[in-house]
Amino acid sequence: MQGKLRLGIMGGTFDPIHMGHLIMAEAVRDEFGLDRVLFIPAAHPPHKKGRWDLADAGHRYRMTELAVRSNPCFEVSDMELHRREPSYSVVTIELLRETYGSDAEIYFITGADAINELFTWYHAQELLEKCSFIAANRQGSELDMEALRGHFGELADKRIHRLVAPAVEISSTDIRQRIRCGRSIKYRVPAAVEEYIAKEGLYREPMDEP
């Protein structure tokens, strides 16, 4: 490959992954000329600790794998599934630097609402120094650059980019609720993911508290 690798990463629980995730990733890949987008399911998301309906990491990885297989520019990594500690983004970026080299251009793709809370993330300043962020503006969620500049100074303008994402109002929470109510999730998730959820009986009944 000629030039620096331009790598987008999408981390998250993907519980389950849905068409909104895929549409956002492809829009970013196309707009920013990324070589590939790497989906990284989190094993122990620090912000989801204690949630009773979190599907097993193996299921979430397999669903993500099924969802991205039709796009040659999409890949899925199990790098976080082998870690016992919480899945902090700054650690993930450090590991990606070791894998892809220090000159790779890494773009962390997430929603504007999440980036507005970036100052609460673990070692946020260090994270912003190690990679760029692409904020996908969703309905009802706008990027607050003034507040971000207040926390990170000029680094906010240098490292945080905006993208008006296609308006696709799909959420994993809604999908799980629809499954529990016996309603259709067709076209909200890829067909292979829908089939996997049905086969494995995911999200149908509340699980016992640990």
C-alpha atoms as a PDB file:
ATOM      1  CA  MET A   1       0.000   0.000   0.000  1.00  0.00           C
ATOM      2  CA  GLN A   2       1.273   3.422  -0.972  1.00  0.00           C
ATOM      3  CA  GLY A   3       1.434   6.172   1.638  1.00  0.00           C
ATOM      4  CA  LYS A   4       0.304   6.126   5.223  1.00  0.00           C
ATOM      5  CA  LEU A   5      -2.437   3.763   6.261  1.00  0.00           C
ATOM      6  CA  ARG A   6      -5.650   5.632   7.041  1.00  0.00           C
ATOM      7  CA  LEU A   7      -7.484   3.449   9.531  1.00  0.00           C
ATOM      8  CA  GLY A   8     -10.891   4.071  11.023  1.00  0.00           C
ATOM      9  CA  ILE A   9     -11.911   2.254  14.161  1.00  0.00           C
ATOM     10  CA  MET A  10     -15.353   1.722  15.619  1.00  0.00           C
ATOM     11  CA  GLY A  11     -15.425   0.394  19.137  1.00  0.00           C
ATOM     12  CA  GLY A  12     -18.465  -0.435  21.181  1.00  0.00           C
ATOM     13  CA  THR A  13     -20.601  -3.164  22.628  1.00  0.00           C
ATOM     14  CA  PHE A  14     -22.400  -3.864  19.307  1.00  0.00           C
ATOM     15  CA  ASP A  15     -25.211  -5.406  21.314  1.00  0.00           C
ATOM     16  CA  PRO A  16     -26.303  -6.063  18.627  1.00  0.00           C
ATOM     17  CA  ILE A  17     -24.561  -4.374  15.710  1.00  0.00           C
ATOM     18  CA  HIS A  18     -27.143  -2.790  13.395  1.00  0.00           C
ATOM     19  CA  MET A  19     -27.513  -1.040  10.053  1.00  0.00           C
ATOM     20  CA  GLY A  20     -26.917   2.372  11.621  1.00  0.00           C
ATOM     21  CA  HIS A  21     -23.402   1.319  12.641  1.00  0.00           C
ATOM     22  CA  LEU A  22     -22.637   0.075   9.138  1.00  0.00           C
ATOM     23  CA  ILE A  23     -24.084   3.101   7.348  1.00  0.00           C
ATOM     24  CA  MET A  24     -22.112   5.456   9.589  1.00  0.00           C
ATOM     25  CA  ALA A  25     -18.879   3.516   9.056  1.00  0.00           C
ATOM     26  CA  GLU A  26     -19.252   3.509   5.278  1.00  0.00           C
ATOM     27  CA  ALA A  27     -20.139   7.221   5.182  1.00  0.00           C
ATOM     28  CA  VAL A  28     -16.995   8.034   7.177  1.00  0.00           C
ATOM     29  CA  ARG A  29     -14.806   5.702   5.088  1.00  0.00           C
ATOM     30  CA  ASP A  30     -15.995   7.365   1.898  1.00  0.00           C
ATOM     31  CA  GLU A  31     -15.871  10.980   3.139  1.00  0.00           C
ATOM     32  CA  PHE A  32     -12.425  10.753   4.751  1.00  0.00           C
ATOM     33  CA  GLY A  33     -10.794   8.389   2.256  1.00  0.00           C
ATOM     34  CA  LEU A  34     -10.042   5.678   4.804  1.00  0.00           C
ATOM     35  CA  ASP A  35      -8.332   2.503   3.648  1.00  0.00           C
ATOM     36  CA  ARG A  36     -10.305   0.341   6.052  1.00  0.00           C
ATOM     37  CA  VAL A  37     -12.578   0.448   9.077  1.00  0.00           C
ATOM     38  CA  LEU A  38     -11.858  -1.880  11.975  1.00  0.00           C
ATOM     39  CA  PHE A  39     -14.768  -2.839  14.230  1.00  0.00           C
ATOM     40  CA  ILE A  40     -13.627  -3.702  17.767  1.00  0.00           C
ATOM     41  CA  PRO A  41     -16.265  -5.218  20.060  1.00  0.00           C
ATOM     42  CA  ALA A  42     -15.567  -4.455  23.718  1.00  0.00           C
ATOM     43  CA  ALA A  43     -15.321  -7.340  26.150  1.00  0.00           C
ATOM     44  CA  HIS A  44     -15.801  -5.378  29.371  1.00  0.00           C
ATOM     45  CA  PRO A  45     -17.087  -1.892  28.487  1.00  0.00           C
ATOM     46  CA  PRO A  46     -16.438   0.374  31.493  1.00  0.00           C
ATOM     47  CA  HIS A  47     -19.633   2.397  30.875  1.00  0.00           C
ATOM     48  CA  LYS A  48     -21.829  -0.747  30.697  1.00  0.00           C
ATOM     49  CA  LYS A  49     -20.636  -2.442  33.873  1.00  0.00           C
ATOM     50  CA  GLY A  50     -23.408  -4.264  35.692  1.00  0.00           C
ATOM     51  CA  ARG A  51     -25.940  -4.199  32.848  1.00  0.00           C
ATOM     52  CA  TRP A  52     -27.956  -7.393  33.036  1.00  0.00           C
ATOM     53  CA  ASP A  53     -28.815  -7.753  29.339  1.00  0.00           C
ATOM     54  CA  LEU A  54     -25.304  -7.475  27.858  1.00  0.00           C
ATOM     55  CA  ALA A  55     -24.871 -10.387  25.438  1.00  0.00           C
ATOM     56  CA  ASP A  56     -21.824 -12.590  25.805  1.00  0.00           C
ATOM     57  CA  ALA A  57     -18.732 -11.132  24.119  1.00  0.00           C
ATOM     58  CA  GLY A  58     -18.454 -14.158  21.848  1.00  0.00           C
ATOM     59  CA  HIS A  59     -21.973 -13.607  20.510  1.00  0.00           C
ATOM     60  CA  ARG A  60     -21.342  -9.904  19.935  1.00  0.00           C
ATOM     61  CA  TYR A  61     -18.090 -10.642  18.109  1.00  0.00           C
ATOM     62  CA  ARG A  62     -19.736 -13.232  15.865  1.00  0.00           C
ATOM     63  CA  MET A  63     -22.632 -10.884  15.018  1.00  0.00           C
ATOM     64  CA  THR A  64     -20.171  -8.131  14.124  1.00  0.00           C
ATOM     65  CA  GLU A  65     -18.196 -10.557  11.987  1.00  0.00           C
ATOM     66  CA  LEU A  66     -21.359 -11.562  10.118  1.00  0.00           C
ATOM     67  CA  ALA A  67     -22.399  -7.926   9.655  1.00  0.00           C
ATOM     68  CA  VAL A  68     -19.150  -6.705   8.041  1.00  0.00           C
ATOM     69  CA  ARG A  69     -18.310  -9.649   5.808  1.00  0.00           C
ATOM     70  CA  SER A  70     -19.937  -8.177   2.675  1.00  0.00           C
ATOM     71  CA  ASN A  71     -17.708  -5.058   2.699  1.00  0.00           C
ATOM     72  CA  PRO A  72     -14.058  -5.667   1.714  1.00  0.00           C
ATOM     73  CA  CYS A  73     -13.029  -2.437   3.489  1.00  0.00           C
ATOM     74  CA  PHE A  74     -14.509  -3.570   6.815  1.00  0.00           C
ATOM     75  CA  GLU A  75     -12.796  -5.874   9.307  1.00  0.00           C
ATOM     76  CA  VAL A  76     -13.500  -7.034  12.837  1.00  0.00           C
ATOM     77  CA  SER A  77     -10.910  -7.521  15.567  1.00  0.00           C
ATOM     78  CA  ASP A  78     -11.093  -9.618  18.721  1.00  0.00           C
ATOM     79  CA  MET A  79      -8.207  -7.711  20.329  1.00  0.00           C
ATOM     80  CA  GLU A  80     -10.295  -6.529  23.294  1.00  0.00           C
ATOM     81  CA  LEU A  81     -11.926  -9.886  23.956  1.00  0.00           C
ATOM     82  CA  HIS A  82      -8.708 -11.307  25.411  1.00  0.00           C
ATOM     83  CA  ARG A  83      -8.253  -8.549  27.980  1.00  0.00           C
ATOM     84  CA  ARG A  84      -9.358  -9.036  31.562  1.00  0.00           C
ATOM     85  CA  GLU A  85      -9.297  -5.342  32.401  1.00  0.00           C
ATOM     86  CA  PRO A  86     -11.929  -2.816  31.200  1.00  0.00           C
ATOM     87  CA  SER A  87     -11.740  -1.815  27.528  1.00  0.00           C
ATOM     88  CA  TYR A  88     -10.193   1.648  27.696  1.00  0.00           C
ATOM     89  CA  SER A  89      -9.805   3.343  24.320  1.00  0.00           C
ATOM     90  CA  VAL A  90      -6.329   4.731  25.020  1.00  0.00           C
ATOM     91  CA  VAL A  91      -5.002   1.193  25.557  1.00  0.00           C
ATOM     92  CA  THR A  92      -6.632   0.023  22.331  1.00  0.00           C
ATOM     93  CA  ILE A  93      -5.012   2.850  20.373  1.00  0.00           C
ATOM     94  CA  GLU A  94      -1.593   1.992  21.810  1.00  0.00           C
ATOM     95  CA  LEU A  95      -1.999  -1.622  20.704  1.00  0.00           C
ATOM     96  CA  LEU A  96      -3.081  -0.535  17.224  1.00  0.00           C
ATOM     97  CA  ARG A  97       0.012   1.666  16.957  1.00  0.00           C
ATOM     98  CA  GLU A  98       2.146  -1.388  17.732  1.00  0.00           C
ATOM     99  CA  THR A  99       0.348  -3.368  15.030  1.00  0.00           C
ATOM    100  CA  TYR A 100       0.077  -0.805  12.237  1.00  0.00           C
ATOM    101  CA  GLY A 101       3.063   1.426  12.952  1.00  0.00           C
ATOM    102  CA  SER A 102       3.542   4.841  14.473  1.00  0.00           C
ATOM    103  CA  ASP A 103       2.882   6.644  11.177  1.00  0.00           C
ATOM    104  CA  ALA A 104      -0.591   5.171  10.616  1.00  0.00           C
ATOM    105  CA  GLU A 105      -3.366   7.768  10.690  1.00  0.00           C
ATOM    106  CA  ILE A 106      -6.002   6.470  13.097  1.00  0.00           C
ATOM    107  CA  TYR A 107      -9.516   7.898  13.226  1.00  0.00           C
ATOM    108  CA  PHE A 108     -11.828   6.989  16.094  1.00  0.00           C
ATOM    109  CA  ILE A 109     -15.412   7.000  14.783  1.00  0.00           C
ATOM    110  CA  THR A 110     -18.245   7.656  17.224  1.00  0.00           C
ATOM    111  CA  GLY A 111     -21.287   9.839  17.789  1.00  0.00           C
ATOM    112  CA  ALA A 112     -21.144  13.523  18.613  1.00  0.00           C
ATOM    113  CA  ASP A 113     -22.873  12.821  21.913  1.00  0.00           C
ATOM    114  CA  ALA A 114     -20.008  10.542  22.986  1.00  0.00           C
ATOM    115  CA  ILE A 115     -17.340  13.051  21.930  1.00  0.00           C
ATOM    116  CA  ASN A 116     -19.060  15.789  23.924  1.00  0.00           C
ATOM    117  CA  GLU A 117     -18.306  13.617  26.972  1.00  0.00           C
ATOM    118  CA  LEU A 118     -14.719  12.911  25.883  1.00  0.00           C
ATOM    119  CA  PHE A 119     -13.269  14.753  28.870  1.00  0.00           C
ATOM    120  CA  THR A 120     -14.730  12.001  31.117  1.00  0.00           C
ATOM    121  CA  TRP A 121     -12.872   9.227  29.260  1.00  0.00           C
ATOM    122  CA  TYR A 122      -9.844   7.518  30.755  1.00  0.00           C
ATOM    123  CA  HIS A 123      -6.681   9.537  29.941  1.00  0.00           C
ATOM    124  CA  ALA A 124      -8.648  11.670  27.480  1.00  0.00           C
ATOM    125  CA  GLN A 125      -5.867  14.167  26.748  1.00  0.00           C
ATOM    126  CA  GLU A 126      -3.414  11.387  25.945  1.00  0.00           C
ATOM    127  CA  LEU A 127      -5.995   9.664  23.768  1.00  0.00           C
ATOM    128  CA  LEU A 128      -6.607  12.821  21.731  1.00  0.00           C
ATOM    129  CA  GLU A 129      -2.866  13.190  21.197  1.00  0.00           C
ATOM    130  CA  LYS A 130      -2.635   9.643  19.832  1.00  0.00           C
ATOM    131  CA  CYS A 131      -5.523   9.666  17.333  1.00  0.00           C
ATOM    132  CA  SER A 132      -8.136  11.801  15.641  1.00  0.00           C
ATOM    133  CA  PHE A 133     -11.882  11.604  16.227  1.00  0.00           C
ATOM    134  CA  ILE A 134     -14.685  11.755  13.706  1.00  0.00           C
ATOM    135  CA  ALA A 135     -17.950  12.889  15.237  1.00  0.00           C
ATOM    136  CA  ALA A 136     -21.063  11.717  13.450  1.00  0.00           C
ATOM    137  CA  ASN A 137     -23.834  14.204  14.146  1.00  0.00           C
ATOM    138  CA  ARG A 138     -27.083  12.403  14.819  1.00  0.00           C
ATOM    139  CA  GLN A 139     -30.570  13.836  15.177  1.00  0.00           C
ATOM    140  CA  GLY A 140     -30.788  15.709  18.457  1.00  0.00           C
ATOM    141  CA  SER A 141     -27.034  15.558  19.036  1.00  0.00           C
ATOM    142  CA  GLU A 142     -24.677  18.348  18.012  1.00  0.00           C
ATOM    143  CA  LEU A 143     -20.950  18.589  18.598  1.00  0.00           C
ATOM    144  CA  ASP A 144     -20.145  21.152  21.305  1.00  0.00           C
ATOM    145  CA  MET A 145     -16.803  22.437  20.034  1.00  0.00           C
ATOM    146  CA  GLU A 146     -16.779  25.387  22.419  1.00  0.00           C
ATOM    147  CA  ALA A 147     -16.854  23.085  25.442  1.00  0.00           C
ATOM    148  CA  LEU A 148     -14.307  20.737  23.856  1.00  0.00           C
ATOM    149  CA  ARG A 149     -11.932  23.647  23.240  1.00  0.00           C
ATOM    150  CA  GLY A 150     -12.369  24.574  26.875  1.00  0.00           C
ATOM    151  CA  HIS A 151     -11.138  21.141  27.922  1.00  0.00           C
ATOM    152  CA  PHE A 152      -8.533  20.396  25.238  1.00  0.00           C
ATOM    153  CA  GLY A 153      -7.536  23.751  23.744  1.00  0.00           C
ATOM    154  CA  GLU A 154      -6.227  23.853  20.166  1.00  0.00           C
ATOM    155  CA  LEU A 155      -5.953  20.065  20.149  1.00  0.00           C
ATOM    156  CA  ALA A 156      -9.745  19.885  19.837  1.00  0.00           C
ATOM    157  CA  ASP A 157      -9.715  21.710  16.489  1.00  0.00           C
ATOM    158  CA  LYS A 158      -6.758  19.690  15.260  1.00  0.00           C
ATOM    159  CA  ARG A 159      -8.015  16.249  16.216  1.00  0.00           C
ATOM    160  CA  ILE A 160     -11.825  16.375  16.169  1.00  0.00           C
ATOM    161  CA  HIS A 161     -13.615  16.324  12.813  1.00  0.00           C
ATOM    162  CA  ARG A 162     -17.303  16.443  11.987  1.00  0.00           C
ATOM    163  CA  LEU A 163     -19.466  14.416   9.656  1.00  0.00           C
ATOM    164  CA  VAL A 164     -23.187  14.837   9.097  1.00  0.00           C
ATOM    165  CA  ALA A 165     -24.203  11.184   9.178  1.00  0.00           C
ATOM    166  CA  PRO A 166     -27.187   9.849   7.228  1.00  0.00           C
ATOM    167  CA  ALA A 167     -30.341  10.065   9.333  1.00  0.00           C
ATOM    168  CA  VAL A 168     -30.897   6.449  10.382  1.00  0.00           C
ATOM    169  CA  GLU A 169     -32.727   6.246  13.685  1.00  0.00           C
ATOM    170  CA  ILE A 170     -31.866   2.728  14.817  1.00  0.00           C
ATOM    171  CA  SER A 171     -30.569   1.779  18.245  1.00  0.00           C
ATOM    172  CA  SER A 172     -29.409  -1.439  19.858  1.00  0.00           C
ATOM    173  CA  THR A 173     -31.673  -0.691  22.826  1.00  0.00           C
ATOM    174  CA  ASP A 174     -34.736  -0.536  20.580  1.00  0.00           C
ATOM    175  CA  ILE A 175     -33.715  -3.748  18.810  1.00  0.00           C
ATOM    176  CA  ARG A 176     -33.409  -5.618  22.115  1.00  0.00           C
ATOM    177  CA  GLN A 177     -36.789  -4.310  23.245  1.00  0.00           C
ATOM    178  CA  ARG A 178     -38.424  -5.332  19.970  1.00  0.00           C
ATOM    179  CA  ILE A 179     -37.055  -8.859  20.307  1.00  0.00           C
ATOM    180  CA  ARG A 180     -38.375  -9.180  23.866  1.00  0.00           C
ATOM    181  CA  CYS A 181     -41.790  -8.024  22.633  1.00  0.00           C
ATOM    182  CA  GLY A 182     -41.774 -10.436  19.691  1.00  0.00           C
ATOM    183  CA  ARG A 183     -41.615  -7.653  17.090  1.00  0.00           C
ATOM    184  CA  SER A 184     -39.719  -7.626  13.799  1.00  0.00           C
ATOM    185  CA  ILE A 185     -36.112  -6.407  13.537  1.00  0.00           C
ATOM    186  CA  LYS A 186     -35.908  -7.006   9.793  1.00  0.00           C
ATOM    187  CA  TYR A 187     -33.875  -4.315   7.967  1.00  0.00           C
ATOM    188  CA  ARG A 188     -32.699  -2.937  11.295  1.00  0.00           C
ATOM    189  CA  VAL A 189     -29.865  -5.463  11.351  1.00  0.00           C
ATOM    190  CA  PRO A 190     -28.213  -7.382   8.486  1.00  0.00           C
ATOM    191  CA  ALA A 191     -30.083 -10.577   7.572  1.00  0.00           C
ATOM    192  CA  ALA A 192     -27.224 -12.765   8.806  1.00  0.00           C
ATOM    193  CA  VAL A 193     -27.346 -11.037  12.209  1.00  0.00           C
ATOM    194  CA  GLU A 194     -31.125 -11.443  12.404  1.00  0.00           C
ATOM    195  CA  GLU A 195     -30.745 -15.153  11.690  1.00  0.00           C
ATOM    196  CA  TYR A 196     -27.989 -15.517  14.289  1.00  0.00           C
ATOM    197  CA  ILE A 197     -30.056 -13.797  16.996  1.00  0.00           C
ATOM    198  CA  ALA A 198     -32.996 -16.093  16.266  1.00  0.00           C
ATOM    199  CA  LYS A 199     -30.833 -19.217  16.203  1.00  0.00           C
ATOM    200  CA  GLU A 200     -29.104 -18.393  19.507  1.00  0.00           C
ATOM    201  CA  GLY A 201     -32.248 -17.070  21.198  1.00  0.00           C
ATOM    202  CA  LEU A 202     -30.558 -13.805  22.182  1.00  0.00           C
ATOM    203  CA  TYR A 203     -32.331 -10.989  24.048  1.00  0.00           C
ATOM    204  CA  ARG A 204     -35.575 -12.911  24.509  1.00  0.00           C
ATOM    205  CA  GLU A 205     -35.676 -13.251  28.290  1.00  0.00           C
ATOM    206  CA  PRO A 206     -34.091 -11.252  31.124  1.00  0.00           C
ATOM    207  CA  MET A 207     -31.047 -13.054  32.490  1.00  0.00           C
ATOM    208  CA  ASP A 208     -30.588 -13.654  36.199  1.00  0.00           C
ATOM    209  CA  GLU A 209     -28.538 -11.051  38.019  1.00  0.00           C
ATOM    210  CA  PRO A 210     -24.974 -12.285  38.709  1.00  0.00           C
END
